[in-house]
Protein backbone atom coordinates (compact mmCIF):
# COMPACT_ATOMS: atom_id res chain seq x y z
CA UNK A 1 20.70 33.85 -39.41
CA UNK A 2 21.42 30.12 -39.37
CA UNK A 3 18.22 28.16 -39.90
CA UNK A 4 17.96 24.38 -39.66
CA UNK A 5 14.52 23.00 -40.40
CA UNK A 6 13.78 19.30 -39.90
CA UNK A 7 17.08 18.07 -41.30
CA UNK A 8 16.95 14.29 -41.08
CA UNK A 9 19.85 11.85 -41.15
CA UNK A 10 19.63 8.10 -40.68
CA UNK A 11 22.07 5.28 -40.08
CA UNK A 12 21.37 1.65 -39.16
CA UNK A 13 21.94 2.41 -35.47
CA UNK A 14 21.11 6.11 -35.15
CA UNK A 15 18.55 8.60 -36.43
CA UNK A 16 18.68 12.37 -36.13
CA UNK A 17 16.34 15.21 -37.03
CA UNK A 18 17.44 18.74 -36.21
CA UNK A 19 15.55 22.02 -36.04
CA UNK A 20 17.38 25.10 -34.74
CA UNK A 21 17.62 28.85 -35.40
CA UNK A 22 20.68 30.92 -34.40
CA UNK A 23 20.75 34.69 -34.81
CA UNK A 24 23.59 36.32 -36.74
CA UNK A 25 26.44 37.22 -34.39
CA UNK A 26 25.20 34.96 -31.58
CA UNK A 27 27.19 32.41 -29.62
CA UNK A 28 25.14 29.22 -29.36
CA UNK A 29 26.42 26.56 -26.96
CA UNK A 30 25.36 23.01 -27.82
CA UNK A 31 25.19 20.70 -24.81
CA UNK A 32 23.82 17.28 -24.01
CA UNK A 33 24.78 13.70 -23.20
CA UNK A 34 27.59 11.91 -25.00
CA UNK A 35 26.40 10.16 -28.14
CA UNK A 36 23.31 12.35 -28.38
CA UNK A 37 24.19 13.90 -31.75
CA UNK A 38 26.03 17.14 -30.95
CA UNK A 39 29.01 16.50 -33.23
CA UNK A 40 26.72 15.14 -35.95
CA UNK A 41 24.85 18.45 -35.90
CA UNK A 42 28.06 20.40 -36.49
CA UNK A 43 29.24 18.00 -39.19
CA UNK A 44 25.94 18.43 -41.00
CA UNK A 45 26.23 22.23 -40.95
CA UNK A 46 29.81 21.97 -42.23
CA UNK A 47 28.77 19.59 -45.03
CA UNK A 48 30.49 16.41 -43.82
CA UNK A 49 27.08 14.78 -43.37
CA UNK A 50 24.25 15.32 -45.87
CA UNK A 51 20.65 15.22 -44.62
CA UNK A 52 18.16 13.23 -46.64
CA UNK A 53 15.47 15.87 -46.13
CA UNK A 54 14.94 19.30 -44.59
CA UNK A 55 16.40 22.77 -45.11
CA UNK A 56 19.67 24.35 -43.99
CA UNK A 57 20.25 28.04 -44.75
CA UNK A 58 22.58 30.83 -43.70
CA UNK A 59 21.32 34.37 -44.26
CA UNK A 60 18.70 33.00 -46.64
CA UNK A 61 21.12 30.97 -48.76
CA UNK A 62 20.78 27.21 -48.85
CA UNK A 63 23.97 25.41 -47.79
CA UNK A 64 22.84 21.95 -48.83
CA UNK A 65 24.01 22.12 -52.48
CA UNK A 66 27.47 23.34 -51.43
CA UNK A 67 30.42 21.01 -50.71
CA UNK A 68 32.25 21.65 -47.42
CA UNK A 69 35.02 23.74 -48.99
CA UNK A 70 32.51 26.17 -50.52
CA UNK A 71 30.33 26.65 -47.46
CA UNK A 72 30.73 29.96 -45.58
CA UNK A 73 31.68 27.92 -42.54
CA UNK A 74 34.93 27.25 -40.67
CA UNK A 75 35.22 24.39 -38.19
CA UNK A 76 37.68 23.82 -35.34
CA UNK A 77 37.95 20.23 -34.12
CA UNK A 78 38.77 18.96 -30.64
CA UNK A 79 42.22 17.75 -31.73
CA UNK A 80 42.82 21.09 -33.57
CA UNK A 81 44.05 19.33 -36.75
CA UNK A 82 47.38 21.14 -37.04
CA UNK A 83 50.21 19.91 -39.25
CA UNK A 84 53.21 19.20 -37.00
CA UNK A 85 55.83 19.99 -39.67
CA UNK A 86 54.42 23.47 -40.34
CA UNK A 87 54.90 26.62 -38.29
CA UNK A 88 52.04 28.38 -36.55
CA UNK A 89 51.91 30.96 -39.35
CA UNK A 90 51.86 28.26 -42.02
CA UNK A 91 49.11 26.33 -40.25
CA UNK A 92 47.03 29.52 -40.12
CA UNK A 93 47.81 30.28 -43.78
CA UNK A 94 46.18 27.00 -44.80
CA UNK A 95 42.88 28.70 -44.01
CA UNK A 96 43.56 31.07 -46.89
CA UNK A 97 45.59 29.13 -49.43
CA UNK A 98 46.50 25.42 -49.20
CA UNK A 99 49.52 25.99 -51.46
CA UNK A 100 50.92 28.44 -48.86
CA UNK A 101 51.91 30.79 -51.70
CA UNK A 102 50.59 33.93 -50.10
CA UNK A 103 50.30 37.46 -51.35
CA UNK A 104 51.56 40.29 -49.17
CA UNK A 105 47.97 41.04 -48.17
CA UNK A 106 47.42 37.43 -47.17
CA UNK A 107 50.60 37.37 -45.07
CA UNK A 108 49.32 40.47 -43.30
CA UNK A 109 45.98 38.73 -42.69
CA UNK A 110 47.77 35.73 -41.14
CA UNK A 111 49.76 38.01 -38.84
CA UNK A 112 46.59 39.85 -37.82
CA UNK A 113 44.80 36.57 -37.06
CA UNK A 114 47.66 35.39 -34.86
CA UNK A 115 47.69 38.75 -33.10
CA UNK A 116 43.91 38.52 -32.55
CA UNK A 117 44.37 35.26 -30.62
CA UNK A 118 47.33 36.69 -28.69
CA UNK A 119 50.05 34.67 -30.44
CA UNK A 120 52.03 37.58 -31.83
CA UNK A 121 55.71 36.64 -31.84
CA UNK A 122 55.10 32.87 -32.01
CA UNK A 123 54.67 32.69 -35.78
CA UNK A 124 57.73 30.49 -36.34
CA UNK A 125 56.96 27.90 -33.67
CA UNK A 126 55.75 24.45 -34.66
CA UNK A 127 52.86 22.75 -32.81
CA UNK A 128 55.24 20.49 -30.85
CA UNK A 129 56.89 23.59 -29.42
CA UNK A 130 53.61 25.06 -28.16
CA UNK A 131 51.30 24.41 -25.22
CA UNK A 132 47.86 22.89 -25.64
CA UNK A 133 46.22 26.28 -25.26
CA UNK A 134 48.54 27.84 -27.83
CA UNK A 135 47.78 25.07 -30.33
CA UNK A 136 44.07 25.70 -29.88
CA UNK A 137 44.67 29.39 -30.54
CA UNK A 138 46.45 28.53 -33.79
CA UNK A 139 43.44 26.46 -34.88
CA UNK A 140 41.13 29.32 -33.95
CA UNK A 141 43.28 31.80 -35.89
CA UNK A 142 43.07 29.54 -38.95
CA UNK A 143 39.28 29.66 -38.71
CA UNK A 144 39.30 33.45 -38.26
CA UNK A 145 41.62 34.18 -41.19
CA UNK A 146 39.14 32.59 -43.60
CA UNK A 147 36.70 35.44 -42.80
CA UNK A 148 33.79 33.02 -42.92
CA UNK A 149 30.72 34.30 -41.08
CA UNK A 150 29.96 31.06 -39.22
CA UNK A 151 32.48 29.24 -37.00
CA UNK A 152 31.78 25.79 -35.58
CA UNK A 153 33.77 24.66 -32.54
CA UNK A 154 33.55 20.95 -31.67
CA UNK A 155 34.59 20.54 -28.01
CA UNK A 156 37.70 22.57 -28.82
CA UNK A 157 38.86 23.23 -25.27
CA UNK A 158 37.93 20.02 -23.46
CA UNK A 159 41.57 18.99 -22.95
CA UNK A 160 42.49 22.27 -21.24
CA UNK A 161 42.41 22.93 -17.52
CA UNK A 162 39.36 24.87 -16.25
CA UNK A 163 41.06 28.28 -16.02
CA UNK A 164 42.58 28.08 -19.48
CA UNK A 165 39.33 26.71 -20.90
CA UNK A 166 37.37 29.67 -19.57
CA UNK A 167 40.03 32.02 -20.90
CA UNK A 168 39.70 30.54 -24.38
CA UNK A 169 35.91 30.80 -24.25
CA UNK A 170 36.27 34.45 -23.24
CA UNK A 171 38.60 35.00 -26.20
CA UNK A 172 36.10 33.41 -28.60
CA UNK A 173 33.36 35.60 -27.16
CA UNK A 174 35.40 38.78 -27.58
CA UNK A 175 36.39 37.91 -31.15
CA UNK A 176 32.89 37.06 -32.31
CA UNK A 177 31.54 40.31 -30.86
CA UNK A 178 34.32 42.34 -32.50
CA UNK A 179 33.91 40.69 -35.89
CA UNK A 180 30.18 39.88 -35.71
CA UNK A 181 30.77 36.18 -36.34
CA UNK A 182 28.16 33.56 -35.51
CA UNK A 183 29.59 30.78 -33.32
CA UNK A 184 28.06 27.35 -32.65
CA UNK A 185 30.10 25.46 -30.07
CA UNK A 186 29.63 22.01 -28.56
CA UNK A 187 30.77 21.86 -24.95
CA UNK A 188 30.42 19.37 -22.10
CA UNK A 189 30.86 21.96 -19.34
CA UNK A 190 27.85 24.30 -19.72
CA UNK A 191 28.80 26.21 -16.58
CA UNK A 192 31.73 27.68 -18.51
CA UNK A 193 29.48 29.44 -21.04
CA UNK A 194 26.55 30.54 -18.89
CA UNK A 195 27.74 34.15 -18.81
CA UNK A 196 28.78 34.50 -22.46
CA UNK A 197 26.40 32.36 -24.55
CA UNK A 198 23.37 34.09 -26.04
CA UNK A 199 21.70 30.76 -26.63
CA UNK A 200 21.95 27.16 -25.55
CA UNK A 201 20.71 24.16 -27.53
CA UNK A 202 20.25 20.88 -25.67
CA UNK A 203 20.77 17.93 -28.01
CA UNK A 204 19.81 14.37 -27.11
CA UNK A 205 18.64 11.34 -29.07
CA UNK A 206 19.50 13.07 -32.33
CA UNK A 207 17.35 16.18 -31.91
CA UNK A 208 17.34 19.65 -30.36
CA UNK A 209 14.97 19.13 -27.45
CA UNK A 210 15.34 22.63 -25.97
CA UNK A 211 16.76 25.95 -27.16
CA UNK A 212 16.87 29.39 -25.62
CA UNK A 213 18.73 31.37 -22.93
CA UNK A 214 21.15 29.03 -21.11
CA UNK A 215 19.59 29.32 -17.67
CA UNK A 216 16.11 28.64 -18.97
CA UNK A 217 17.19 25.61 -21.01
CA UNK A 218 18.99 23.94 -18.12
CA UNK A 219 16.04 24.50 -15.77
CA UNK A 220 13.68 22.42 -17.90
CA UNK A 221 13.88 19.54 -15.45
CA UNK A 222 10.50 18.21 -16.58
CA UNK A 223 12.42 16.59 -19.44
CA UNK A 224 14.21 13.66 -17.79
CA UNK A 225 17.13 13.89 -20.24
CA UNK A 226 17.92 17.45 -19.10
CA UNK A 227 17.37 16.50 -15.47
CA UNK A 228 19.78 13.57 -15.79
CA UNK A 229 22.37 15.75 -17.52
CA UNK A 230 22.15 18.38 -14.78
CA UNK A 231 22.18 15.79 -12.01
CA UNK A 232 18.62 16.44 -10.87
CA UNK A 233 16.91 13.50 -12.51
């Protein structure tokens, strides 16, 4: 289980304090207004932001002393962060070994990750030769090949058209169920995850103001921030 307990971060113009629990193997969709602190939450879990107080644990182990590279966490960014001069297979291999000097077993793992995201046969293509959806699949495969138990997705599919976006969300859902991976995903279109997310966390003003089943969270119109987000305020 991922447990975040009163993790506080402060800047001159923004303050955040997060408390959230996500069960192992769950898909938690993080929604809320722009600038409310969704990406900051993911960056804190990944280790790119360090809270000044609070606790952050995964399966009982504190993540706070660990630098980003040593955390059992993989993150996929909105711009997918692929290297244009490398092939799809090489970009995925970076999730295992930055030197790209792979063992036979690691090459097999890269091929299996590409197959899992339905990119079998496209190993030699470079990002510029792929569609937006295919590039996002490469980034997802790179996260999967690391075999880390927690994957963070920061608005990864926002540039895709609605049909492709829903297809990618369905793929993420199938993969996390098959591999029992915990997924925390920020998304600005909550309607796309209503049927697949186990949990929704509504983040605004630097805190998780509601968490639970998606339908229940989005019906809490008594909070004006949720009402405004849903168009009922």
